[in-house]
Amino acid sequence: MPGSAAGKEALTLSKFIDEIWWPKYRVGGGKRGVNSTTTIMEKETHLRVHILPTLGQLPIAAVSNERLTEFFGQLRESGYQKKGRRSTSTKEAERGVRRVHV
């Protein structure tokens, strides 16, 4: 049936980021209104390397605080510290996902 809930594809985190959040964030979604080139590059790396490969296929409704806590715990267990870049990028990735999630 056209328009029925059964016929609708669930919005995934990947689709949400690619089509809705990232285009807006890139052109000025930062707290101060404009994102630096470095910030954009860092966020794109966090998305490409960590967030989307692990969480991208999930329906947006399944990206809960519990799932995010589990995800960041797994990053830390694999050698990333709270701040990430294999020492600092996890914190930035966490901030980015939580910003999208909120």
C-alpha atoms as a PDB file:
ATOM      1  CA  MET A   1       0.000   0.000   0.000  1.00  0.00           C
ATOM      2  CA  PRO A   2       1.489   3.367  -0.943  1.00  0.00           C
ATOM      3  CA  GLY A   3       2.085   5.582   2.058  1.00  0.00           C
ATOM      4  CA  SER A   4       1.644   2.791   4.587  1.00  0.00           C
ATOM      5  CA  ALA A   5       4.126   2.362   7.425  1.00  0.00           C
ATOM      6  CA  ALA A   6       5.020  -1.098   6.114  1.00  0.00           C
ATOM      7  CA  GLY A   7       6.101   0.397   2.798  1.00  0.00           C
ATOM      8  CA  LYS A   8       8.274   3.106   4.323  1.00  0.00           C
ATOM      9  CA  GLU A   9      11.986   2.557   4.706  1.00  0.00           C
ATOM     10  CA  ALA A  10      13.298   3.382   8.176  1.00  0.00           C
ATOM     11  CA  LEU A  11      15.503   6.460   8.351  1.00  0.00           C
ATOM     12  CA  THR A  12      18.990   5.222   9.230  1.00  0.00           C
ATOM     13  CA  LEU A  13      21.653   7.230  11.004  1.00  0.00           C
ATOM     14  CA  SER A  14      23.722   7.161   7.814  1.00  0.00           C
ATOM     15  CA  LYS A  15      20.895   8.529   5.674  1.00  0.00           C
ATOM     16  CA  PHE A  16      20.049  11.167   8.293  1.00  0.00           C
ATOM     17  CA  ILE A  17      23.673  12.334   8.492  1.00  0.00           C
ATOM     18  CA  ASP A  18      24.232  12.277   4.715  1.00  0.00           C
ATOM     19  CA  GLU A  19      20.991  13.959   3.682  1.00  0.00           C
ATOM     20  CA  ILE A  20      19.951  16.144   6.603  1.00  0.00           C
ATOM     21  CA  TRP A  21      22.552  16.848   9.277  1.00  0.00           C
ATOM     22  CA  TRP A  22      25.896  16.956   7.427  1.00  0.00           C
ATOM     23  CA  PRO A  23      24.853  19.395   4.670  1.00  0.00           C
ATOM     24  CA  LYS A  24      23.621  21.843   7.321  1.00  0.00           C
ATOM     25  CA  TYR A  25      26.556  21.314   9.660  1.00  0.00           C
ATOM     26  CA  ARG A  26      29.124  21.852   6.906  1.00  0.00           C
ATOM     27  CA  VAL A  27      27.805  25.307   6.064  1.00  0.00           C
ATOM     28  CA  GLY A  28      27.603  26.604   9.602  1.00  0.00           C
ATOM     29  CA  GLY A  29      26.170  24.297  12.199  1.00  0.00           C
ATOM     30  CA  GLY A  30      28.810  25.001  14.822  1.00  0.00           C
ATOM     31  CA  LYS A  31      28.122  26.767  18.096  1.00  0.00           C
ATOM     32  CA  ARG A  32      29.596  29.978  16.720  1.00  0.00           C
ATOM     33  CA  GLY A  33      27.759  29.695  13.425  1.00  0.00           C
ATOM     34  CA  VAL A  34      30.696  28.850  11.169  1.00  0.00           C
ATOM     35  CA  ASN A  35      32.895  25.776  11.165  1.00  0.00           C
ATOM     36  CA  SER A  36      36.583  25.984  10.345  1.00  0.00           C
ATOM     37  CA  THR A  37      38.038  23.816   7.602  1.00  0.00           C
ATOM     38  CA  THR A  38      39.897  21.836  10.262  1.00  0.00           C
ATOM     39  CA  THR A  39      36.699  21.196  12.221  1.00  0.00           C
ATOM     40  CA  ILE A  40      34.913  20.000   9.080  1.00  0.00           C
ATOM     41  CA  MET A  41      37.806  17.673   8.249  1.00  0.00           C
ATOM     42  CA  GLU A  42      37.864  16.257  11.798  1.00  0.00           C
ATOM     43  CA  LYS A  43      34.113  15.652  11.854  1.00  0.00           C
ATOM     44  CA  GLU A  44      34.181  14.043   8.413  1.00  0.00           C
ATOM     45  CA  THR A  45      36.955  11.708   9.582  1.00  0.00           C
ATOM     46  CA  HIS A  46      35.055  10.750  12.747  1.00  0.00           C
ATOM     47  CA  LEU A  47      31.974   9.987  10.679  1.00  0.00           C
ATOM     48  CA  ARG A  48      33.827   8.053   7.963  1.00  0.00           C
ATOM     49  CA  VAL A  49      36.208   6.078  10.172  1.00  0.00           C
ATOM     50  CA  HIS A  50      34.272   5.447  13.375  1.00  0.00           C
ATOM     51  CA  ILE A  51      30.629   6.406  13.460  1.00  0.00           C
ATOM     52  CA  LEU A  52      29.055   5.401  10.143  1.00  0.00           C
ATOM     53  CA  PRO A  53      30.763   2.014   9.734  1.00  0.00           C
ATOM     54  CA  THR A  54      29.466   0.954  13.161  1.00  0.00           C
ATOM     55  CA  LEU A  55      26.207   2.842  13.643  1.00  0.00           C
ATOM     56  CA  GLY A  56      25.224   4.027  10.165  1.00  0.00           C
ATOM     57  CA  GLN A  57      22.939   1.098   9.330  1.00  0.00           C
ATOM     58  CA  LEU A  58      20.865   1.538  12.504  1.00  0.00           C
ATOM     59  CA  PRO A  59      17.428   3.107  12.298  1.00  0.00           C
ATOM     60  CA  ILE A  60      17.700   6.569  13.842  1.00  0.00           C
ATOM     61  CA  ALA A  61      15.286   5.523  16.613  1.00  0.00           C
ATOM     62  CA  ALA A  62      17.746   2.776  17.658  1.00  0.00           C
ATOM     63  CA  VAL A  63      20.573   5.254  18.288  1.00  0.00           C
ATOM     64  CA  SER A  64      19.939   5.560  22.004  1.00  0.00           C
ATOM     65  CA  ASN A  65      22.134   6.909  24.775  1.00  0.00           C
ATOM     66  CA  GLU A  66      22.777   3.313  25.813  1.00  0.00           C
ATOM     67  CA  ARG A  67      23.891   2.345  22.291  1.00  0.00           C
ATOM     68  CA  LEU A  68      26.169   5.404  22.082  1.00  0.00           C
ATOM     69  CA  THR A  69      27.710   4.616  25.479  1.00  0.00           C
ATOM     70  CA  GLU A  70      28.368   1.056  24.287  1.00  0.00           C
ATOM     71  CA  PHE A  71      29.883   2.348  21.032  1.00  0.00           C
ATOM     72  CA  PHE A  72      32.274   4.750  22.787  1.00  0.00           C
ATOM     73  CA  GLY A  73      33.196   2.033  25.286  1.00  0.00           C
ATOM     74  CA  GLN A  74      34.158  -0.219  22.367  1.00  0.00           C
ATOM     75  CA  LEU A  75      36.322   2.546  20.888  1.00  0.00           C
ATOM     76  CA  ARG A  76      38.104   2.986  24.200  1.00  0.00           C
ATOM     77  CA  GLU A  77      38.631  -0.785  24.539  1.00  0.00           C
ATOM     78  CA  SER A  78      40.237  -0.822  21.089  1.00  0.00           C
ATOM     79  CA  GLY A  79      42.828   1.761  22.126  1.00  0.00           C
ATOM     80  CA  TYR A  80      41.097   5.097  21.757  1.00  0.00           C
ATOM     81  CA  GLN A  81      41.047   7.224  24.854  1.00  0.00           C
ATOM     82  CA  LYS A  82      38.197   9.439  25.931  1.00  0.00           C
ATOM     83  CA  LYS A  83      39.483  12.220  23.712  1.00  0.00           C
ATOM     84  CA  GLY A  84      40.170   9.898  20.769  1.00  0.00           C
ATOM     85  CA  ARG A  85      42.758  10.447  17.923  1.00  0.00           C
ATOM     86  CA  ARG A  86      43.920   7.187  19.221  1.00  0.00           C
ATOM     87  CA  SER A  87      44.100   9.480  22.190  1.00  0.00           C
ATOM     88  CA  THR A  88      41.734  12.363  21.343  1.00  0.00           C
ATOM     89  CA  SER A  89      39.353  11.570  18.452  1.00  0.00           C
ATOM     90  CA  THR A  90      36.919   9.430  20.502  1.00  0.00           C
ATOM     91  CA  LYS A  91      35.805  12.425  22.556  1.00  0.00           C
ATOM     92  CA  GLU A  92      35.315  14.466  19.392  1.00  0.00           C
ATOM     93  CA  ALA A  93      33.439  11.602  17.734  1.00  0.00           C
ATOM     94  CA  GLU A  94      31.280  11.260  20.849  1.00  0.00           C
ATOM     95  CA  ARG A  95      30.540  14.968  20.856  1.00  0.00           C
ATOM     96  CA  GLY A  96      29.635  14.833  17.169  1.00  0.00           C
ATOM     97  CA  VAL A  97      27.275  11.865  17.521  1.00  0.00           C
ATOM     98  CA  ARG A  98      25.652  13.257  20.632  1.00  0.00           C
ATOM     99  CA  ARG A  99      25.169  16.584  18.819  1.00  0.00           C
ATOM    100  CA  VAL A 100      23.422  14.717  15.993  1.00  0.00           C
ATOM    101  CA  HIS A 101      21.453  12.574  18.455  1.00  0.00           C
ATOM    102  CA  VAL A 102      20.122  15.433  20.570  1.00  0.00           C
END
